């Protein structure tokens, strides 16, 4: 199958969208499929407001037109709602092609936090963007329920995996600080709610690995925290291994790949009981969820690391790639048998779409 992926988020950016689709390209290629990625590197770009490493294509329509041409691929997936995503949407609709989309990022909440743009306005724009999509892929059922309540339709749960060859229990000697070691890995940005973790009265040492627009402000406010800065994804495993508990204070993530990566290394998670963690963490097994984040941290410290690792061993990226193949749709209008057109779409576990 020839699959075209359109994404405004790609290397050298470091985020969950890039990690997810990098693994999908690898696994789908290993399964014998051809995956072509339309991403910003071939475009004239400008930095996104408040995110200079995120480049937005200025000539997105020309880039997409050259890349897609007039012949539809077997499947077209638009992963992001940026300039390339909008251009691909326009190109496909003008030619009657079908496509699927993803909802990776809570832009309404992020833009409200960073730029004071009303969330209702952003939700309206995103509903319009995704409305022609045959299936909107979301990472959890909780996210699907939220979006359904916000007026989105044809929602399809498509989960996430973990690279268990890269992330697995190791020597636990990468961090030489007083224990217990409380670790957070990810973007250091306002919407990640890091202060809720850093303000906690906890024994031992708090460690943050990551970079982002809030790094300078938080580093000055919390000088006792160990700030590791940005660390390449392939180099993170020893830090997950060394931590005693992975603390995830975000209330806005749609999933949180770092939760599975920490668990794969045997490190339990402490988080709030919100969308993302509620669908990833097995309470009392792989972590603890509570509105009292300090209590969750201390309780997670008591969990059996061997059981944490065992609980996530089935979450492979190969399995997630196979699920993706089940939910993609033929791009060409005449590729789907007439009897199948309009038929209710079934989920990857046999459940109807929302």
C-alpha atoms as a PDB file:
ATOM      1  CA  UNK A   1       0.000   0.000   0.000  1.00  0.00           C
ATOM      2  CA  UNK A   2       1.194   3.530  -0.787  1.00  0.00           C
ATOM      3  CA  UNK A   3       0.466   5.751   2.204  1.00  0.00           C
ATOM      4  CA  UNK A   4       1.018   9.511   2.253  1.00  0.00           C
ATOM      5  CA  UNK A   5       1.437  11.179   5.641  1.00  0.00           C
ATOM      6  CA  UNK A   6       1.119  14.961   5.893  1.00  0.00           C
ATOM      7  CA  UNK A   7       2.501  16.491   9.071  1.00  0.00           C
ATOM      8  CA  UNK A   8       3.602  19.969  10.134  1.00  0.00           C
ATOM      9  CA  UNK A   9       5.537  18.371  13.021  1.00  0.00           C
ATOM     10  CA  UNK A  10       8.670  16.517  12.003  1.00  0.00           C
ATOM     11  CA  UNK A  11      12.370  16.210  12.755  1.00  0.00           C
ATOM     12  CA  UNK A  12      14.310  17.939  14.254  1.00  0.00           C
ATOM     13  CA  UNK A  13      11.337  18.763  16.483  1.00  0.00           C
ATOM     14  CA  UNK A  14      11.067  16.651  19.640  1.00  0.00           C
ATOM     15  CA  UNK A  15       7.498  15.852  20.670  1.00  0.00           C
ATOM     16  CA  UNK A  16       4.983  13.046  20.831  1.00  0.00           C
ATOM     17  CA  UNK A  17       3.629  13.670  17.333  1.00  0.00           C
ATOM     18  CA  UNK A  18       7.076  13.282  15.788  1.00  0.00           C
ATOM     19  CA  UNK A  19       7.875  10.185  17.850  1.00  0.00           C
ATOM     20  CA  UNK A  20       4.552   8.536  17.015  1.00  0.00           C
ATOM     21  CA  UNK A  21       4.813   9.006  13.257  1.00  0.00           C
ATOM     22  CA  UNK A  22       8.513   8.168  13.145  1.00  0.00           C
ATOM     23  CA  UNK A  23       7.678   4.788  14.643  1.00  0.00           C
ATOM     24  CA  UNK A  24       4.749   4.397  12.244  1.00  0.00           C
ATOM     25  CA  UNK A  25       6.969   5.023   9.220  1.00  0.00           C
ATOM     26  CA  UNK A  26       9.445   2.453  10.519  1.00  0.00           C
ATOM     27  CA  UNK A  27       6.875  -0.210  11.325  1.00  0.00           C
ATOM     28  CA  UNK A  28       4.723   0.261   8.228  1.00  0.00           C
ATOM     29  CA  UNK A  29       7.836   0.062   6.047  1.00  0.00           C
ATOM     30  CA  UNK A  30       8.858  -3.136   7.828  1.00  0.00           C
ATOM     31  CA  UNK A  31       5.395  -4.538   7.024  1.00  0.00           C
ATOM     32  CA  UNK A  32       6.029  -3.903   3.317  1.00  0.00           C
ATOM     33  CA  UNK A  33       4.148  -0.628   2.822  1.00  0.00           C
ATOM     34  CA  UNK A  34       5.464   2.523   1.158  1.00  0.00           C
ATOM     35  CA  UNK A  35       5.136   5.617   3.328  1.00  0.00           C
ATOM     36  CA  UNK A  36       5.811   9.075   1.909  1.00  0.00           C
ATOM     37  CA  UNK A  37       6.001  11.974   4.369  1.00  0.00           C
ATOM     38  CA  UNK A  38       5.111  15.530   3.379  1.00  0.00           C
ATOM     39  CA  UNK A  39       6.704  17.719   6.060  1.00  0.00           C
ATOM     40  CA  UNK A  40       8.120  21.253   6.448  1.00  0.00           C
ATOM     41  CA  UNK A  41      11.760  20.648   5.487  1.00  0.00           C
ATOM     42  CA  UNK A  42      11.098  21.290   1.804  1.00  0.00           C
ATOM     43  CA  UNK A  43       9.126  24.485   2.375  1.00  0.00           C
ATOM     44  CA  UNK A  44       9.865  28.135   3.112  1.00  0.00           C
ATOM     45  CA  UNK A  45       9.068  28.416   6.803  1.00  0.00           C
ATOM     46  CA  UNK A  46       8.690  30.839   9.690  1.00  0.00           C
ATOM     47  CA  UNK A  47       8.816  30.018  13.420  1.00  0.00           C
ATOM     48  CA  UNK A  48       5.500  29.468  15.158  1.00  0.00           C
ATOM     49  CA  UNK A  49       4.527  32.031  17.816  1.00  0.00           C
ATOM     50  CA  UNK A  50       6.055  31.035  21.185  1.00  0.00           C
ATOM     51  CA  UNK A  51       7.515  27.858  19.607  1.00  0.00           C
ATOM     52  CA  UNK A  52      10.502  28.900  17.444  1.00  0.00           C
ATOM     53  CA  UNK A  53      11.586  25.299  16.785  1.00  0.00           C
ATOM     54  CA  UNK A  54       8.170  24.585  15.225  1.00  0.00           C
ATOM     55  CA  UNK A  55       8.426  25.763  11.627  1.00  0.00           C
ATOM     56  CA  UNK A  56       5.286  26.732   9.710  1.00  0.00           C
ATOM     57  CA  UNK A  57       5.293  26.433   5.931  1.00  0.00           C
ATOM     58  CA  UNK A  58       4.644  29.656   4.036  1.00  0.00           C
ATOM     59  CA  UNK A  59       4.229  27.972   0.645  1.00  0.00           C
ATOM     60  CA  UNK A  60       2.268  24.991   1.925  1.00  0.00           C
ATOM     61  CA  UNK A  61      -0.156  24.821  -1.006  1.00  0.00           C
ATOM     62  CA  UNK A  62       2.670  24.664  -3.555  1.00  0.00           C
ATOM     63  CA  UNK A  63       4.575  22.059  -1.531  1.00  0.00           C
ATOM     64  CA  UNK A  64       1.501  19.848  -1.161  1.00  0.00           C
ATOM     65  CA  UNK A  65       0.455  20.257  -4.801  1.00  0.00           C
ATOM     66  CA  UNK A  66       3.894  19.176  -6.022  1.00  0.00           C
ATOM     67  CA  UNK A  67       4.039  16.250  -3.615  1.00  0.00           C
ATOM     68  CA  UNK A  68       0.512  14.902  -4.122  1.00  0.00           C
ATOM     69  CA  UNK A  69      -0.105  15.707  -7.769  1.00  0.00           C
ATOM     70  CA  UNK A  70      -3.304  14.547  -9.433  1.00  0.00           C
ATOM     71  CA  UNK A  71      -3.163  10.802  -8.739  1.00  0.00           C
ATOM     72  CA  UNK A  72      -4.440   9.741  -5.307  1.00  0.00           C
ATOM     73  CA  UNK A  73      -2.295   7.506  -3.108  1.00  0.00           C
ATOM     74  CA  UNK A  74      -3.814   4.351  -1.672  1.00  0.00           C
ATOM     75  CA  UNK A  75      -4.345   6.186   1.621  1.00  0.00           C
ATOM     76  CA  UNK A  76      -3.903   9.796   2.741  1.00  0.00           C
ATOM     77  CA  UNK A  77      -3.528  10.727   6.394  1.00  0.00           C
ATOM     78  CA  UNK A  78      -3.302  14.320   7.626  1.00  0.00           C
ATOM     79  CA  UNK A  79      -1.682  14.270  11.051  1.00  0.00           C
ATOM     80  CA  UNK A  80      -1.694  17.960  12.007  1.00  0.00           C
ATOM     81  CA  UNK A  81      -3.847  21.053  11.651  1.00  0.00           C
ATOM     82  CA  UNK A  82      -1.003  23.354  10.525  1.00  0.00           C
ATOM     83  CA  UNK A  83      -0.407  24.965   7.110  1.00  0.00           C
ATOM     84  CA  UNK A  84       0.563  21.682   5.433  1.00  0.00           C
ATOM     85  CA  UNK A  85      -2.466  19.980   6.945  1.00  0.00           C
ATOM     86  CA  UNK A  86      -4.822  22.668   5.694  1.00  0.00           C
ATOM     87  CA  UNK A  87      -3.214  22.577   2.248  1.00  0.00           C
ATOM     88  CA  UNK A  88      -3.537  18.790   2.014  1.00  0.00           C
ATOM     89  CA  UNK A  89      -7.170  19.009   3.138  1.00  0.00           C
ATOM     90  CA  UNK A  90      -7.902  21.571   0.400  1.00  0.00           C
ATOM     91  CA  UNK A  91      -6.037  19.543  -2.247  1.00  0.00           C
ATOM     92  CA  UNK A  92      -7.910  16.339  -1.375  1.00  0.00           C
ATOM     93  CA  UNK A  93     -11.354  17.925  -1.222  1.00  0.00           C
ATOM     94  CA  UNK A  94     -10.869  19.617  -4.590  1.00  0.00           C
ATOM     95  CA  UNK A  95     -10.235  16.193  -6.142  1.00  0.00           C
ATOM     96  CA  UNK A  96     -12.825  14.207  -4.214  1.00  0.00           C
ATOM     97  CA  UNK A  97     -10.237  12.169  -2.335  1.00  0.00           C
ATOM     98  CA  UNK A  98     -11.017  10.629   1.030  1.00  0.00           C
ATOM     99  CA  UNK A  99      -8.605  11.045   3.927  1.00  0.00           C
ATOM    100  CA  UNK A 100      -8.211  10.492   7.642  1.00  0.00           C
ATOM    101  CA  UNK A 101      -6.925  12.949  10.253  1.00  0.00           C
ATOM    102  CA  UNK A 102      -5.458  12.891  13.762  1.00  0.00           C
ATOM    103  CA  UNK A 103      -6.194  14.906  16.876  1.00  0.00           C
ATOM    104  CA  UNK A 104      -2.848  14.896  18.673  1.00  0.00           C
ATOM    105  CA  UNK A 105      -2.740  18.226  20.456  1.00  0.00           C
ATOM    106  CA  UNK A 106      -5.114  20.218  22.633  1.00  0.00           C
ATOM    107  CA  UNK A 107      -4.659  23.426  20.704  1.00  0.00           C
ATOM    108  CA  UNK A 108      -7.759  25.085  22.235  1.00  0.00           C
ATOM    109  CA  UNK A 109      -6.340  24.708  25.735  1.00  0.00           C
ATOM    110  CA  UNK A 110      -2.766  25.513  24.668  1.00  0.00           C
ATOM    111  CA  UNK A 111      -3.712  28.700  22.821  1.00  0.00           C
ATOM    112  CA  UNK A 112      -5.953  29.784  25.684  1.00  0.00           C
ATOM    113  CA  UNK A 113      -3.044  29.292  28.107  1.00  0.00           C
ATOM    114  CA  UNK A 114      -0.357  30.929  26.005  1.00  0.00           C
ATOM    115  CA  UNK A 115      -2.136  33.559  23.907  1.00  0.00           C
ATOM    116  CA  UNK A 116      -5.509  34.054  25.642  1.00  0.00           C
ATOM    117  CA  UNK A 117      -7.397  32.945  22.521  1.00  0.00           C
ATOM    118  CA  UNK A 118     -10.838  31.666  23.622  1.00  0.00           C
ATOM    119  CA  UNK A 119     -10.929  27.870  23.511  1.00  0.00           C
ATOM    120  CA  UNK A 120     -14.428  27.941  21.977  1.00  0.00           C
ATOM    121  CA  UNK A 121     -13.076  29.787  18.947  1.00  0.00           C
ATOM    122  CA  UNK A 122     -10.254  27.284  18.399  1.00  0.00           C
ATOM    123  CA  UNK A 123     -12.638  24.356  18.828  1.00  0.00           C
ATOM    124  CA  UNK A 124     -14.854  25.814  16.092  1.00  0.00           C
ATOM    125  CA  UNK A 125     -11.896  26.054  13.720  1.00  0.00           C
ATOM    126  CA  UNK A 126     -10.802  22.495  14.504  1.00  0.00           C
ATOM    127  CA  UNK A 127     -14.321  21.117  14.020  1.00  0.00           C
ATOM    128  CA  UNK A 128     -14.323  22.708  10.575  1.00  0.00           C
ATOM    129  CA  UNK A 129     -10.894  21.285   9.769  1.00  0.00           C
ATOM    130  CA  UNK A 130     -11.777  17.715  10.755  1.00  0.00           C
ATOM    131  CA  UNK A 131     -15.381  17.662   9.488  1.00  0.00           C
ATOM    132  CA  UNK A 132     -14.567  16.141   6.031  1.00  0.00           C
ATOM    133  CA  UNK A 133     -12.282  13.493   7.547  1.00  0.00           C
ATOM    134  CA  UNK A 134     -13.495   9.912   7.219  1.00  0.00           C
ATOM    135  CA  UNK A 135     -12.039   9.116  10.636  1.00  0.00           C
ATOM    136  CA  UNK A 136     -10.472  11.341  13.283  1.00  0.00           C
ATOM    137  CA  UNK A 137      -7.852   9.286  15.105  1.00  0.00           C
ATOM    138  CA  UNK A 138      -7.558   9.997  18.830  1.00  0.00           C
ATOM    139  CA  UNK A 139      -5.274   8.231  21.316  1.00  0.00           C
ATOM    140  CA  UNK A 140      -7.762   7.338  24.064  1.00  0.00           C
ATOM    141  CA  UNK A 141     -11.450   6.749  24.672  1.00  0.00           C
ATOM    142  CA  UNK A 142     -11.472   9.611  27.161  1.00  0.00           C
ATOM    143  CA  UNK A 143     -10.249  11.952  24.426  1.00  0.00           C
ATOM    144  CA  UNK A 144     -12.896  10.607  22.051  1.00  0.00           C
ATOM    145  CA  UNK A 145     -15.593  11.251  24.655  1.00  0.00           C
ATOM    146  CA  UNK A 146     -14.388  14.820  25.200  1.00  0.00           C
ATOM    147  CA  UNK A 147     -14.317  15.613  21.496  1.00  0.00           C
ATOM    148  CA  UNK A 148     -17.717  14.012  20.923  1.00  0.00           C
ATOM    149  CA  UNK A 149     -19.133  16.292  23.610  1.00  0.00           C
ATOM    150  CA  UNK A 150     -17.493  19.216  21.770  1.00  0.00           C
ATOM    151  CA  UNK A 151     -19.299  18.358  18.530  1.00  0.00           C
ATOM    152  CA  UNK A 152     -16.752  16.204  16.675  1.00  0.00           C
ATOM    153  CA  UNK A 153     -17.926  13.105  14.797  1.00  0.00           C
ATOM    154  CA  UNK A 154     -16.403   9.921  13.297  1.00  0.00           C
ATOM    155  CA  UNK A 155     -13.899   9.607  16.131  1.00  0.00           C
ATOM    156  CA  UNK A 156     -11.704   6.515  16.108  1.00  0.00           C
ATOM    157  CA  UNK A 157      -9.560   5.414  19.042  1.00  0.00           C
ATOM    158  CA  UNK A 158      -6.037   4.583  17.880  1.00  0.00           C
ATOM    159  CA  UNK A 159      -3.645   3.924  20.754  1.00  0.00           C
ATOM    160  CA  UNK A 160       0.107   4.392  21.204  1.00  0.00           C
ATOM    161  CA  UNK A 161       2.994   2.037  21.805  1.00  0.00           C
ATOM    162  CA  UNK A 162       6.441   1.887  23.303  1.00  0.00           C
ATOM    163  CA  UNK A 163       9.800   0.823  21.906  1.00  0.00           C
ATOM    164  CA  UNK A 164      10.607  -2.010  24.312  1.00  0.00           C
ATOM    165  CA  UNK A 165      13.988  -2.600  22.688  1.00  0.00           C
ATOM    166  CA  UNK A 166      15.052   0.932  23.602  1.00  0.00           C
ATOM    167  CA  UNK A 167      13.122   1.344  26.842  1.00  0.00           C
ATOM    168  CA  UNK A 168      13.652  -1.476  29.327  1.00  0.00           C
ATOM    169  CA  UNK A 169      14.972  -1.899  32.889  1.00  0.00           C
ATOM    170  CA  UNK A 170      18.669  -1.059  33.145  1.00  0.00           C
ATOM    171  CA  UNK A 171      21.412  -0.326  35.655  1.00  0.00           C
ATOM    172  CA  UNK A 172      19.719   2.676  37.340  1.00  0.00           C
ATOM    173  CA  UNK A 173      23.006   4.555  37.767  1.00  0.00           C
ATOM    174  CA  UNK A 174      22.601   7.530  35.384  1.00  0.00           C
ATOM    175  CA  UNK A 175      21.534   9.975  38.119  1.00  0.00           C
ATOM    176  CA  UNK A 176      23.704  10.409  41.206  1.00  0.00           C
ATOM    177  CA  UNK A 177      21.499  12.457  43.499  1.00  0.00           C
ATOM    178  CA  UNK A 178      19.856  11.842  46.869  1.00  0.00           C
ATOM    179  CA  UNK A 179      16.942   9.426  46.536  1.00  0.00           C
ATOM    180  CA  UNK A 180      14.111   9.120  45.938  1.00  0.00           C
ATOM    181  CA  UNK A 181      14.536  10.654  42.481  1.00  0.00           C
ATOM    182  CA  UNK A 182      11.368  12.187  41.005  1.00  0.00           C
ATOM    183  CA  UNK A 183      11.672  12.622  37.246  1.00  0.00           C
ATOM    184  CA  UNK A 184       9.765  14.523  34.581  1.00  0.00           C
ATOM    185  CA  UNK A 185      10.616  14.288  30.874  1.00  0.00           C
ATOM    186  CA  UNK A 186       9.051  16.452  28.205  1.00  0.00           C
ATOM    187  CA  UNK A 187       8.452  19.932  26.855  1.00  0.00           C
ATOM    188  CA  UNK A 188       9.071  22.664  29.404  1.00  0.00           C
ATOM    189  CA  UNK A 189       6.056  24.730  28.431  1.00  0.00           C
ATOM    190  CA  UNK A 190       3.256  26.505  30.333  1.00  0.00           C
ATOM    191  CA  UNK A 191       0.588  23.959  29.432  1.00  0.00           C
ATOM    192  CA  UNK A 192       2.628  21.112  30.944  1.00  0.00           C
ATOM    193  CA  UNK A 193       1.784  22.391  34.448  1.00  0.00           C
ATOM    194  CA  UNK A 194       5.288  21.615  35.743  1.00  0.00           C
ATOM    195  CA  UNK A 195       4.951  23.945  38.725  1.00  0.00           C
ATOM    196  CA  UNK A 196       2.373  21.576  40.216  1.00  0.00           C
ATOM    197  CA  UNK A 197       5.170  19.004  40.458  1.00  0.00           C
ATOM    198  CA  UNK A 198       8.038  21.324  41.352  1.00  0.00           C
ATOM    199  CA  UNK A 199       6.127  22.950  44.235  1.00  0.00           C
ATOM    200  CA  UNK A 200       5.547  19.608  45.974  1.00  0.00           C
ATOM    201  CA  UNK A 201       7.186  18.930  49.337  1.00  0.00           C
ATOM    202  CA  UNK A 202       8.955  15.665  48.531  1.00  0.00           C
ATOM    203  CA  UNK A 203      12.061  13.989  49.944  1.00  0.00           C
ATOM    204  CA  UNK A 204      15.066  13.374  47.705  1.00  0.00           C
ATOM    205  CA  UNK A 205      15.622  15.099  44.347  1.00  0.00           C
ATOM    206  CA  UNK A 206      13.423  16.468  41.585  1.00  0.00           C
ATOM    207  CA  UNK A 207      14.863  16.119  38.079  1.00  0.00           C
ATOM    208  CA  UNK A 208      13.523  17.602  34.821  1.00  0.00           C
ATOM    209  CA  UNK A 209      14.760  16.556  31.370  1.00  0.00           C
ATOM    210  CA  UNK A 210      13.551  18.754  28.543  1.00  0.00           C
ATOM    211  CA  UNK A 211      13.646  22.127  26.891  1.00  0.00           C
ATOM    212  CA  UNK A 212      11.019  24.682  25.977  1.00  0.00           C
ATOM    213  CA  UNK A 213       9.760  28.234  26.299  1.00  0.00           C
ATOM    214  CA  UNK A 214       9.207  28.072  30.084  1.00  0.00           C
ATOM    215  CA  UNK A 215      12.649  26.675  30.943  1.00  0.00           C
ATOM    216  CA  UNK A 216      14.335  29.951  31.920  1.00  0.00           C
ATOM    217  CA  UNK A 217      11.472  31.116  34.111  1.00  0.00           C
ATOM    218  CA  UNK A 218      11.048  27.794  35.924  1.00  0.00           C
ATOM    219  CA  UNK A 219      14.787  27.275  36.380  1.00  0.00           C
ATOM    220  CA  UNK A 220      15.019  30.661  38.101  1.00  0.00           C
ATOM    221  CA  UNK A 221      11.974  29.945  40.255  1.00  0.00           C
ATOM    222  CA  UNK A 222      13.090  26.435  41.298  1.00  0.00           C
ATOM    223  CA  UNK A 223      16.898  26.527  41.642  1.00  0.00           C
ATOM    224  CA  UNK A 224      16.988  23.335  43.756  1.00  0.00           C
ATOM    225  CA  UNK A 225      15.609  21.252  40.882  1.00  0.00           C
ATOM    226  CA  UNK A 226      18.126  19.401  38.698  1.00  0.00           C
ATOM    227  CA  UNK A 227      17.596  20.703  35.155  1.00  0.00           C
ATOM    228  CA  UNK A 228      19.120  18.339  32.594  1.00  0.00           C
ATOM    229  CA  UNK A 229      18.029  20.297  29.517  1.00  0.00           C
ATOM    230  CA  UNK A 230      16.990  18.634  26.280  1.00  0.00           C
ATOM    231  CA  UNK A 231      18.039  15.000  25.868  1.00  0.00           C
ATOM    232  CA  UNK A 232      17.790  13.066  22.618  1.00  0.00           C
ATOM    233  CA  UNK A 233      14.942  10.554  22.590  1.00  0.00           C
ATOM    234  CA  UNK A 234      17.307   7.650  21.992  1.00  0.00           C
ATOM    235  CA  UNK A 235      19.317   8.640  25.087  1.00  0.00           C
ATOM    236  CA  UNK A 236      16.426   8.870  27.573  1.00  0.00           C
ATOM    237  CA  UNK A 237      16.221   5.265  28.794  1.00  0.00           C
ATOM    238  CA  UNK A 238      19.002   5.481  31.442  1.00  0.00           C
ATOM    239  CA  UNK A 239      17.239   8.456  33.045  1.00  0.00           C
ATOM    240  CA  UNK A 240      13.890   6.659  33.172  1.00  0.00           C
ATOM    241  CA  UNK A 241      15.745   3.683  34.670  1.00  0.00           C
ATOM    242  CA  UNK A 242      17.444   5.801  37.331  1.00  0.00           C
ATOM    243  CA  UNK A 243      14.259   7.510  38.508  1.00  0.00           C
ATOM    244  CA  UNK A 244      12.213   6.141  41.381  1.00  0.00           C
ATOM    245  CA  UNK A 245       8.944   7.729  40.206  1.00  0.00           C
ATOM    246  CA  UNK A 246       8.001   9.496  36.978  1.00  0.00           C
ATOM    247  CA  UNK A 247       5.847  12.520  37.817  1.00  0.00           C
ATOM    248  CA  UNK A 248       3.435  13.726  35.130  1.00  0.00           C
ATOM    249  CA  UNK A 249       1.574  16.892  36.211  1.00  0.00           C
ATOM    250  CA  UNK A 250       0.084  17.776  32.811  1.00  0.00           C
ATOM    251  CA  UNK A 251      -3.684  18.149  32.590  1.00  0.00           C
ATOM    252  CA  UNK A 252      -3.743  18.828  28.840  1.00  0.00           C
ATOM    253  CA  UNK A 253      -1.919  15.959  27.107  1.00  0.00           C
ATOM    254  CA  UNK A 254      -4.037  13.735  24.889  1.00  0.00           C
ATOM    255  CA  UNK A 255      -1.923  10.693  25.787  1.00  0.00           C
ATOM    256  CA  UNK A 256       1.628  11.059  27.113  1.00  0.00           C
ATOM    257  CA  UNK A 257       4.075   8.676  25.407  1.00  0.00           C
ATOM    258  CA  UNK A 258       6.528   9.325  28.226  1.00  0.00           C
ATOM    259  CA  UNK A 259       4.226   7.428  30.594  1.00  0.00           C
ATOM    260  CA  UNK A 260       4.639   4.200  28.633  1.00  0.00           C
ATOM    261  CA  UNK A 261       8.375   4.799  28.186  1.00  0.00           C
ATOM    262  CA  UNK A 262       8.862   5.230  31.936  1.00  0.00           C
ATOM    263  CA  UNK A 263       6.757   2.136  32.653  1.00  0.00           C
ATOM    264  CA  UNK A 264       8.731   0.092  30.118  1.00  0.00           C
ATOM    265  CA  UNK A 265      11.824   0.889  32.182  1.00  0.00           C
ATOM    266  CA  UNK A 266      10.033  -0.276  35.323  1.00  0.00           C
ATOM    267  CA  UNK A 267       9.444   3.221  36.696  1.00  0.00           C
ATOM    268  CA  UNK A 268       5.966   3.857  38.143  1.00  0.00           C
ATOM    269  CA  UNK A 269       3.998   7.020  37.355  1.00  0.00           C
ATOM    270  CA  UNK A 270       2.315   9.616  39.551  1.00  0.00           C
ATOM    271  CA  UNK A 271      -0.234  11.793  37.755  1.00  0.00           C
ATOM    272  CA  UNK A 272      -3.563  13.539  37.987  1.00  0.00           C
ATOM    273  CA  UNK A 273      -6.666  11.478  37.055  1.00  0.00           C
ATOM    274  CA  UNK A 274      -7.257  13.266  33.746  1.00  0.00           C
ATOM    275  CA  UNK A 275      -7.456  12.417  30.047  1.00  0.00           C
ATOM    276  CA  UNK A 276      -4.219  10.754  29.015  1.00  0.00           C
ATOM    277  CA  UNK A 277      -3.109   9.185  32.309  1.00  0.00           C
ATOM    278  CA  UNK A 278      -6.538   7.630  33.013  1.00  0.00           C
ATOM    279  CA  UNK A 279      -6.215   5.575  29.815  1.00  0.00           C
ATOM    280  CA  UNK A 280      -2.512   4.756  30.173  1.00  0.00           C
ATOM    281  CA  UNK A 281      -1.868   4.146  33.871  1.00  0.00           C
ATOM    282  CA  UNK A 282      -3.133   0.989  35.558  1.00  0.00           C
ATOM    283  CA  UNK A 283      -3.832   2.297  39.080  1.00  0.00           C
ATOM    284  CA  UNK A 284      -1.911   0.419  41.731  1.00  0.00           C
ATOM    285  CA  UNK A 285       0.086  -1.480  39.098  1.00  0.00           C
ATOM    286  CA  UNK A 286       1.923   0.940  36.803  1.00  0.00           C
ATOM    287  CA  UNK A 287       1.248   4.092  38.779  1.00  0.00           C
ATOM    288  CA  UNK A 288      -1.041   6.096  41.020  1.00  0.00           C
ATOM    289  CA  UNK A 289      -3.566   8.745  39.980  1.00  0.00           C
ATOM    290  CA  UNK A 290      -4.833  11.335  42.429  1.00  0.00           C
ATOM    291  CA  UNK A 291      -5.808  14.980  42.640  1.00  0.00           C
ATOM    292  CA  UNK A 292      -3.356  15.007  45.548  1.00  0.00           C
ATOM    293  CA  UNK A 293      -0.210  14.702  43.427  1.00  0.00           C
ATOM    294  CA  UNK A 294       2.086  14.467  46.453  1.00  0.00           C
ATOM    295  CA  UNK A 295       0.126  11.514  47.790  1.00  0.00           C
ATOM    296  CA  UNK A 296       0.258   9.897  44.355  1.00  0.00           C
ATOM    297  CA  UNK A 297       4.049  10.316  44.277  1.00  0.00           C
ATOM    298  CA  UNK A 298       4.573   8.732  47.673  1.00  0.00           C
ATOM    299  CA  UNK A 299       2.191   5.850  46.894  1.00  0.00           C
ATOM    300  CA  UNK A 300       3.817   5.191  43.500  1.00  0.00           C
ATOM    301  CA  UNK A 301       7.160   4.872  45.255  1.00  0.00           C
ATOM    302  CA  UNK A 302       5.881   1.645  46.842  1.00  0.00           C
ATOM    303  CA  UNK A 303       4.964  -0.144  43.593  1.00  0.00           C
ATOM    304  CA  UNK A 304       6.818  -3.213  42.318  1.00  0.00           C
ATOM    305  CA  UNK A 305       9.014  -2.196  39.368  1.00  0.00           C
ATOM    306  CA  UNK A 306       8.911  -5.723  37.909  1.00  0.00           C
ATOM    307  CA  UNK A 307       5.119  -5.606  37.753  1.00  0.00           C
ATOM    308  CA  UNK A 308       5.251  -2.126  36.224  1.00  0.00           C
ATOM    309  CA  UNK A 309       7.414  -3.409  33.365  1.00  0.00           C
ATOM    310  CA  UNK A 310       5.376  -6.584  32.856  1.00  0.00           C
ATOM    311  CA  UNK A 311       2.125  -4.636  32.530  1.00  0.00           C
ATOM    312  CA  UNK A 312       3.243  -2.718  29.416  1.00  0.00           C
ATOM    313  CA  UNK A 313       5.159  -5.401  27.512  1.00  0.00           C
ATOM    314  CA  UNK A 314       2.278  -5.912  25.060  1.00  0.00           C
ATOM    315  CA  UNK A 315       2.172  -2.226  23.990  1.00  0.00           C
ATOM    316  CA  UNK A 316       4.322  -2.600  20.876  1.00  0.00           C
ATOM    317  CA  UNK A 317       4.581  -0.123  18.006  1.00  0.00           C
ATOM    318  CA  UNK A 318       4.192  -3.016  15.561  1.00  0.00           C
ATOM    319  CA  UNK A 319       0.748  -3.707  16.976  1.00  0.00           C
ATOM    320  CA  UNK A 320      -0.142  -0.016  16.766  1.00  0.00           C
ATOM    321  CA  UNK A 321       0.942   0.055  13.107  1.00  0.00           C
ATOM    322  CA  UNK A 322      -1.303  -2.917  12.357  1.00  0.00           C
ATOM    323  CA  UNK A 323      -4.192  -1.063  14.020  1.00  0.00           C
ATOM    324  CA  UNK A 324      -3.474   1.955  11.843  1.00  0.00           C
ATOM    325  CA  UNK A 325      -3.743  -0.142   8.688  1.00  0.00           C
ATOM    326  CA  UNK A 326      -7.204  -1.207   9.845  1.00  0.00           C
ATOM    327  CA  UNK A 327      -8.462   2.368  10.198  1.00  0.00           C
ATOM    328  CA  UNK A 328      -6.989   4.069   7.121  1.00  0.00           C
ATOM    329  CA  UNK A 329      -9.406   4.498   4.196  1.00  0.00           C
ATOM    330  CA  UNK A 330      -8.883   4.317   0.412  1.00  0.00           C
ATOM    331  CA  UNK A 331      -8.211   7.796  -0.933  1.00  0.00           C
ATOM    332  CA  UNK A 332      -9.626   7.239  -4.408  1.00  0.00           C
ATOM    333  CA  UNK A 333     -13.426   7.712  -4.597  1.00  0.00           C
ATOM    334  CA  UNK A 334     -13.860   4.552  -6.673  1.00  0.00           C
ATOM    335  CA  UNK A 335     -11.578   2.360  -4.547  1.00  0.00           C
ATOM    336  CA  UNK A 336     -14.264   1.444  -2.016  1.00  0.00           C
ATOM    337  CA  UNK A 337     -16.959  -1.031  -3.123  1.00  0.00           C
ATOM    338  CA  UNK A 338     -20.387   0.572  -3.354  1.00  0.00           C
ATOM    339  CA  UNK A 339     -21.798  -1.847  -0.771  1.00  0.00           C
ATOM    340  CA  UNK A 340     -19.220  -0.654   1.737  1.00  0.00           C
ATOM    341  CA  UNK A 341     -19.850   3.056   1.206  1.00  0.00           C
ATOM    342  CA  UNK A 342     -21.862   4.525   4.049  1.00  0.00           C
ATOM    343  CA  UNK A 343     -21.506   1.350   6.121  1.00  0.00           C
ATOM    344  CA  UNK A 344     -20.857   1.902   9.818  1.00  0.00           C
ATOM    345  CA  UNK A 345     -17.129   1.857  10.519  1.00  0.00           C
ATOM    346  CA  UNK A 346     -15.997  -0.535  13.195  1.00  0.00           C
ATOM    347  CA  UNK A 347     -13.272   0.284  15.696  1.00  0.00           C
ATOM    348  CA  UNK A 348     -10.027  -1.605  16.029  1.00  0.00           C
ATOM    349  CA  UNK A 349     -11.533  -3.613  18.879  1.00  0.00           C
ATOM    350  CA  UNK A 350     -14.886  -4.122  17.172  1.00  0.00           C
ATOM    351  CA  UNK A 351     -16.522  -1.093  18.760  1.00  0.00           C
ATOM    352  CA  UNK A 352     -18.390   1.415  16.629  1.00  0.00           C
ATOM    353  CA  UNK A 353     -16.902   4.835  16.149  1.00  0.00           C
ATOM    354  CA  UNK A 354     -18.231   7.707  18.193  1.00  0.00           C
END
